[in-house]
């Protein structure tokens, strides 16, 4: 089963969900706001893609952090920040079972889902 992780009111998540619906892809949706983030999954994503990809540093939540939280970032610090505030996880994360797609690019979804 394919699972999309994200926040329902995020514009990028909305675009990805529309794409999946238009292409008849069956998936479950995991809402970070309601269900939170899972440490084991988050660490798996960071190991697969690197914390630099998974941590959304362009978002408002990250930008509002105190400077001390934004400096000297490494894997463990990034994971801790994302667990505390799942809004900092790049959205959406599409879990295909054997691999994950981070963010939404229609061409990447088309290549992965045929």
N, C-alpha and C. Protein backbone atom coordinates (compact mmCIF):
# COMPACT_ATOMS: atom_id res chain seq x y z
N UNK A 1 0.84 -1.19 0.00
CA UNK A 1 0.00 0.00 0.00
C UNK A 1 0.88 1.25 0.00
N UNK A 2 0.58 2.17 -0.87
CA UNK A 2 1.29 3.44 -0.96
C UNK A 2 0.73 4.37 0.12
N UNK A 3 1.62 5.06 0.80
CA UNK A 3 1.20 6.02 1.82
C UNK A 3 1.82 7.37 1.52
N UNK A 4 0.99 8.42 1.56
CA UNK A 4 1.49 9.77 1.45
C UNK A 4 1.50 10.39 2.84
N UNK A 5 2.62 11.00 3.19
CA UNK A 5 2.78 11.69 4.46
C UNK A 5 2.81 13.18 4.18
N UNK A 6 2.01 13.93 4.94
CA UNK A 6 2.01 15.37 4.74
C UNK A 6 0.98 16.07 5.60
N UNK A 7 0.64 17.28 5.18
CA UNK A 7 -0.32 18.13 5.87
C UNK A 7 -1.38 18.50 4.84
N UNK A 8 -2.67 18.27 5.14
CA UNK A 8 -3.71 18.42 4.13
C UNK A 8 -3.81 19.81 3.49
N UNK A 9 -3.51 20.87 4.23
CA UNK A 9 -3.68 22.20 3.65
C UNK A 9 -2.43 22.73 2.94
N UNK A 10 -1.39 21.91 2.84
CA UNK A 10 -0.17 22.29 2.11
C UNK A 10 -0.45 22.25 0.61
N UNK A 11 -0.12 23.33 -0.10
CA UNK A 11 -0.38 23.41 -1.54
C UNK A 11 0.30 22.30 -2.32
N UNK A 12 1.53 21.97 -1.96
CA UNK A 12 2.26 20.92 -2.68
C UNK A 12 1.61 19.56 -2.45
N UNK A 13 1.17 19.31 -1.23
CA UNK A 13 0.48 18.06 -0.92
C UNK A 13 -0.82 17.99 -1.72
N UNK A 14 -1.54 19.10 -1.79
CA UNK A 14 -2.79 19.14 -2.56
C UNK A 14 -2.53 18.78 -4.03
N UNK A 15 -1.49 19.35 -4.61
CA UNK A 15 -1.15 19.06 -6.01
C UNK A 15 -0.81 17.59 -6.20
N UNK A 16 -0.05 17.03 -5.25
CA UNK A 16 0.33 15.62 -5.35
C UNK A 16 -0.89 14.72 -5.21
N UNK A 17 -1.80 15.08 -4.32
CA UNK A 17 -3.01 14.26 -4.13
C UNK A 17 -3.89 14.31 -5.38
N UNK A 18 -3.99 15.47 -6.00
CA UNK A 18 -4.76 15.60 -7.25
C UNK A 18 -4.12 14.72 -8.33
N UNK A 19 -2.79 14.76 -8.43
CA UNK A 19 -2.10 13.96 -9.43
C UNK A 19 -2.40 12.47 -9.21
N UNK A 20 -2.27 12.01 -7.97
CA UNK A 20 -2.54 10.60 -7.67
C UNK A 20 -3.98 10.23 -8.01
N UNK A 21 -4.92 11.09 -7.64
CA UNK A 21 -6.34 10.83 -7.92
C UNK A 21 -6.60 10.78 -9.43
N UNK A 22 -6.01 11.73 -10.16
CA UNK A 22 -6.22 11.77 -11.62
C UNK A 22 -5.62 10.55 -12.32
N UNK A 23 -4.61 9.96 -11.70
CA UNK A 23 -3.96 8.79 -12.30
C UNK A 23 -4.43 7.47 -11.68
N UNK A 24 -5.49 7.55 -10.88
CA UNK A 24 -6.08 6.33 -10.33
C UNK A 24 -5.20 5.56 -9.37
N UNK A 25 -4.32 6.27 -8.67
CA UNK A 25 -3.42 5.61 -7.73
C UNK A 25 -4.09 5.55 -6.36
N UNK A 26 -4.21 4.33 -5.83
CA UNK A 26 -4.80 4.13 -4.51
C UNK A 26 -3.72 4.35 -3.46
N UNK A 27 -4.02 5.16 -2.45
CA UNK A 27 -3.03 5.45 -1.42
C UNK A 27 -3.72 5.81 -0.11
N UNK A 28 -2.98 5.66 0.98
CA UNK A 28 -3.44 6.11 2.29
C UNK A 28 -2.77 7.45 2.57
N UNK A 29 -3.44 8.30 3.35
CA UNK A 29 -2.86 9.60 3.70
C UNK A 29 -2.57 9.66 5.20
N UNK A 30 -1.34 10.00 5.54
CA UNK A 30 -0.93 10.16 6.95
C UNK A 30 -0.78 11.65 7.21
N UNK A 31 -1.65 12.18 8.06
CA UNK A 31 -1.66 13.60 8.40
C UNK A 31 -0.76 13.85 9.61
N UNK A 32 0.36 14.57 9.39
CA UNK A 32 1.28 14.86 10.49
C UNK A 32 0.59 15.62 11.62
N UNK A 33 -0.34 16.51 11.26
CA UNK A 33 -1.00 17.34 12.28
C UNK A 33 -1.83 16.48 13.23
N UNK A 34 -2.43 15.42 12.71
CA UNK A 34 -3.27 14.56 13.54
C UNK A 34 -2.52 13.37 14.11
N UNK A 35 -1.64 12.77 13.29
CA UNK A 35 -1.01 11.51 13.69
C UNK A 35 0.46 11.64 14.08
N UNK A 36 1.04 12.83 13.90
CA UNK A 36 2.44 13.03 14.25
C UNK A 36 3.39 12.34 13.30
N UNK A 37 4.66 12.39 13.66
CA UNK A 37 5.71 11.76 12.85
C UNK A 37 6.32 10.62 13.64
N UNK A 38 6.70 9.59 12.94
CA UNK A 38 7.27 8.38 13.54
C UNK A 38 8.79 8.42 13.41
N UNK A 39 9.48 8.31 14.55
CA UNK A 39 10.95 8.42 14.55
C UNK A 39 11.60 7.40 13.61
N UNK A 40 11.18 6.15 13.67
CA UNK A 40 11.81 5.11 12.84
C UNK A 40 11.65 5.42 11.35
N UNK A 41 10.46 5.84 10.94
CA UNK A 41 10.23 6.18 9.54
C UNK A 41 11.06 7.40 9.14
N UNK A 42 11.05 8.41 10.00
CA UNK A 42 11.81 9.62 9.71
C UNK A 42 13.30 9.33 9.56
N UNK A 43 13.83 8.50 10.45
CA UNK A 43 15.25 8.13 10.35
C UNK A 43 15.52 7.33 9.07
N UNK A 44 14.57 6.48 8.67
CA UNK A 44 14.71 5.73 7.42
C UNK A 44 14.78 6.70 6.24
N UNK A 45 13.90 7.70 6.23
CA UNK A 45 13.88 8.67 5.13
C UNK A 45 15.19 9.46 5.09
N UNK A 46 15.68 9.85 6.27
CA UNK A 46 16.94 10.61 6.35
C UNK A 46 18.10 9.75 5.87
N UNK A 47 18.09 8.46 6.25
CA UNK A 47 19.16 7.57 5.79
C UNK A 47 19.08 7.37 4.27
N UNK A 48 17.88 7.35 3.72
CA UNK A 48 17.68 7.12 2.29
C UNK A 48 17.99 8.37 1.45
N UNK A 49 17.58 9.54 1.94
CA UNK A 49 17.67 10.77 1.13
C UNK A 49 18.61 11.83 1.69
N UNK A 50 19.04 11.67 2.96
CA UNK A 50 19.86 12.69 3.61
C UNK A 50 18.98 13.71 4.32
N UNK A 51 19.42 14.16 5.49
CA UNK A 51 18.60 15.10 6.25
C UNK A 51 18.44 16.42 5.50
N UNK A 52 19.42 16.76 4.67
CA UNK A 52 19.36 18.01 3.92
C UNK A 52 18.15 18.04 2.97
N UNK A 53 17.74 16.87 2.47
CA UNK A 53 16.58 16.78 1.58
C UNK A 53 15.28 16.72 2.37
N UNK A 54 15.29 15.98 3.47
CA UNK A 54 14.06 15.74 4.23
C UNK A 54 13.66 16.95 5.07
N UNK A 55 14.63 17.69 5.58
CA UNK A 55 14.34 18.88 6.39
C UNK A 55 13.98 20.04 5.47
N UNK A 56 12.79 20.59 5.66
CA UNK A 56 12.33 21.73 4.85
C UNK A 56 12.82 23.02 5.49
N UNK A 57 13.95 23.51 4.99
CA UNK A 57 14.53 24.75 5.53
C UNK A 57 13.94 26.00 4.89
N UNK A 58 13.11 25.81 3.85
CA UNK A 58 12.52 26.96 3.17
C UNK A 58 11.20 27.40 3.81
N UNK A 59 10.66 26.57 4.69
CA UNK A 59 9.36 26.85 5.27
C UNK A 59 9.39 27.83 6.42
N UNK A 60 8.23 28.39 6.72
CA UNK A 60 8.07 29.36 7.79
C UNK A 60 8.46 28.79 9.14
N UNK A 61 8.08 27.54 9.40
CA UNK A 61 8.37 26.93 10.70
C UNK A 61 9.86 26.92 10.99
N UNK A 62 10.65 26.53 9.98
CA UNK A 62 12.11 26.50 10.17
C UNK A 62 12.65 27.92 10.33
N UNK A 63 12.17 28.83 9.50
CA UNK A 63 12.70 30.20 9.53
C UNK A 63 12.42 30.91 10.86
N UNK A 64 11.36 30.50 11.55
CA UNK A 64 11.00 31.12 12.84
C UNK A 64 11.79 30.55 14.01
N UNK A 65 12.56 29.50 13.78
CA UNK A 65 13.35 28.89 14.86
C UNK A 65 14.40 29.87 15.38
N UNK A 66 14.74 29.74 16.65
CA UNK A 66 15.88 30.52 17.16
C UNK A 66 17.15 30.15 16.40
N UNK A 67 18.06 31.10 16.24
CA UNK A 67 19.29 30.86 15.49
C UNK A 67 20.06 29.65 16.01
N UNK A 68 20.02 29.42 17.32
CA UNK A 68 20.75 28.29 17.92
C UNK A 68 20.25 26.96 17.37
N UNK A 69 18.96 26.88 17.06
CA UNK A 69 18.39 25.65 16.51
C UNK A 69 18.74 25.46 15.04
N UNK A 70 19.06 26.56 14.36
CA UNK A 70 19.32 26.48 12.92
C UNK A 70 20.80 26.30 12.58
N UNK A 71 21.66 26.48 13.57
CA UNK A 71 23.09 26.37 13.31
C UNK A 71 23.60 24.99 13.72
N UNK A 72 24.74 24.62 13.16
CA UNK A 72 25.39 23.34 13.46
C UNK A 72 24.44 22.16 13.27
N UNK A 73 23.64 22.21 12.22
CA UNK A 73 22.72 21.12 11.95
C UNK A 73 23.47 19.87 11.53
N UNK A 74 22.99 18.74 12.02
CA UNK A 74 23.48 17.45 11.58
C UNK A 74 22.28 16.50 11.58
N UNK A 75 22.52 15.25 11.27
CA UNK A 75 21.43 14.28 11.16
C UNK A 75 20.56 14.24 12.41
N UNK A 76 21.20 14.07 13.57
CA UNK A 76 20.45 13.91 14.81
C UNK A 76 19.67 15.16 15.18
N UNK A 77 20.28 16.31 15.00
CA UNK A 77 19.60 17.57 15.33
C UNK A 77 18.42 17.79 14.37
N UNK A 78 18.62 17.49 13.09
CA UNK A 78 17.54 17.65 12.11
C UNK A 78 16.37 16.72 12.43
N UNK A 79 16.66 15.46 12.76
CA UNK A 79 15.60 14.50 13.11
C UNK A 79 14.84 14.99 14.34
N UNK A 80 15.55 15.47 15.35
CA UNK A 80 14.90 15.96 16.57
C UNK A 80 13.98 17.15 16.25
N UNK A 81 14.44 18.06 15.41
CA UNK A 81 13.61 19.21 15.03
C UNK A 81 12.34 18.75 14.31
N UNK A 82 12.49 17.81 13.37
CA UNK A 82 11.34 17.34 12.58
C UNK A 82 10.35 16.56 13.45
N UNK A 83 10.85 15.82 14.43
CA UNK A 83 9.95 15.09 15.33
C UNK A 83 9.15 16.06 16.19
N UNK A 84 9.81 17.13 16.64
CA UNK A 84 9.15 18.13 17.47
C UNK A 84 8.13 18.92 16.66
N UNK A 85 8.48 19.26 15.43
CA UNK A 85 7.59 20.05 14.57
C UNK A 85 7.54 19.41 13.18
N UNK A 86 6.61 18.47 12.97
CA UNK A 86 6.53 17.77 11.69
C UNK A 86 6.31 18.69 10.48
N UNK A 87 5.91 19.93 10.71
CA UNK A 87 5.78 20.89 9.61
C UNK A 87 7.12 21.12 8.92
N UNK A 88 8.21 20.78 9.60
CA UNK A 88 9.55 20.96 9.01
C UNK A 88 9.97 19.80 8.12
N UNK A 89 9.14 18.77 8.02
CA UNK A 89 9.45 17.66 7.11
C UNK A 89 9.01 18.08 5.72
N UNK A 90 9.91 17.96 4.75
CA UNK A 90 9.56 18.31 3.37
C UNK A 90 8.36 17.50 2.95
N UNK A 91 7.45 18.15 2.24
CA UNK A 91 6.19 17.51 1.88
C UNK A 91 6.00 17.49 0.37
N UNK A 92 5.24 16.48 -0.02
CA UNK A 92 4.88 15.26 0.71
C UNK A 92 6.01 14.24 0.64
N UNK A 93 5.92 13.23 1.50
CA UNK A 93 6.76 12.05 1.36
C UNK A 93 5.82 10.94 0.89
N UNK A 94 6.14 10.36 -0.25
CA UNK A 94 5.32 9.28 -0.81
C UNK A 94 6.07 7.97 -0.61
N UNK A 95 5.52 7.11 0.25
CA UNK A 95 6.16 5.84 0.56
C UNK A 95 5.61 4.76 -0.37
N UNK A 96 6.46 4.28 -1.26
CA UNK A 96 6.06 3.27 -2.24
C UNK A 96 6.32 1.85 -1.74
N UNK A 97 6.81 1.73 -0.51
CA UNK A 97 7.12 0.42 0.04
C UNK A 97 8.60 0.11 -0.05
N UNK A 98 9.13 0.08 -1.28
CA UNK A 98 10.56 -0.22 -1.45
C UNK A 98 11.41 1.05 -1.50
N UNK A 99 10.78 2.20 -1.66
CA UNK A 99 11.50 3.48 -1.69
C UNK A 99 10.51 4.62 -1.46
N UNK A 100 11.07 5.79 -1.23
CA UNK A 100 10.26 6.97 -0.98
C UNK A 100 10.59 8.09 -1.96
N UNK A 101 9.59 8.89 -2.28
CA UNK A 101 9.78 10.11 -3.04
C UNK A 101 9.55 11.28 -2.08
N UNK A 102 10.47 12.24 -2.07
CA UNK A 102 10.35 13.39 -1.18
C UNK A 102 10.07 14.63 -2.03
N UNK A 103 8.98 15.33 -1.69
CA UNK A 103 8.55 16.47 -2.49
C UNK A 103 7.66 15.98 -3.63
N UNK A 104 7.17 16.90 -4.43
CA UNK A 104 6.31 16.51 -5.55
C UNK A 104 6.82 17.07 -6.86
N UNK A 105 7.16 16.16 -7.77
CA UNK A 105 7.47 16.50 -9.15
C UNK A 105 6.66 15.53 -10.00
N UNK A 106 5.75 16.04 -10.83
CA UNK A 106 4.89 15.15 -11.64
C UNK A 106 5.69 14.12 -12.42
N UNK A 107 6.83 14.50 -12.97
CA UNK A 107 7.63 13.56 -13.78
C UNK A 107 8.20 12.44 -12.91
N UNK A 108 8.55 12.73 -11.67
CA UNK A 108 9.08 11.69 -10.76
C UNK A 108 7.96 10.73 -10.38
N UNK A 109 6.76 11.28 -10.12
CA UNK A 109 5.62 10.42 -9.80
C UNK A 109 5.28 9.53 -11.00
N UNK A 110 5.29 10.11 -12.20
CA UNK A 110 4.97 9.35 -13.40
C UNK A 110 5.99 8.23 -13.60
N UNK A 111 7.27 8.52 -13.40
CA UNK A 111 8.32 7.51 -13.58
C UNK A 111 8.18 6.39 -12.54
N UNK A 112 7.84 6.75 -11.30
CA UNK A 112 7.77 5.76 -10.23
C UNK A 112 6.50 4.93 -10.29
N UNK A 113 5.42 5.54 -10.78
CA UNK A 113 4.11 4.88 -10.74
C UNK A 113 3.63 4.43 -12.10
N UNK A 114 4.41 4.72 -13.12
CA UNK A 114 4.13 4.25 -14.47
C UNK A 114 2.76 4.63 -14.97
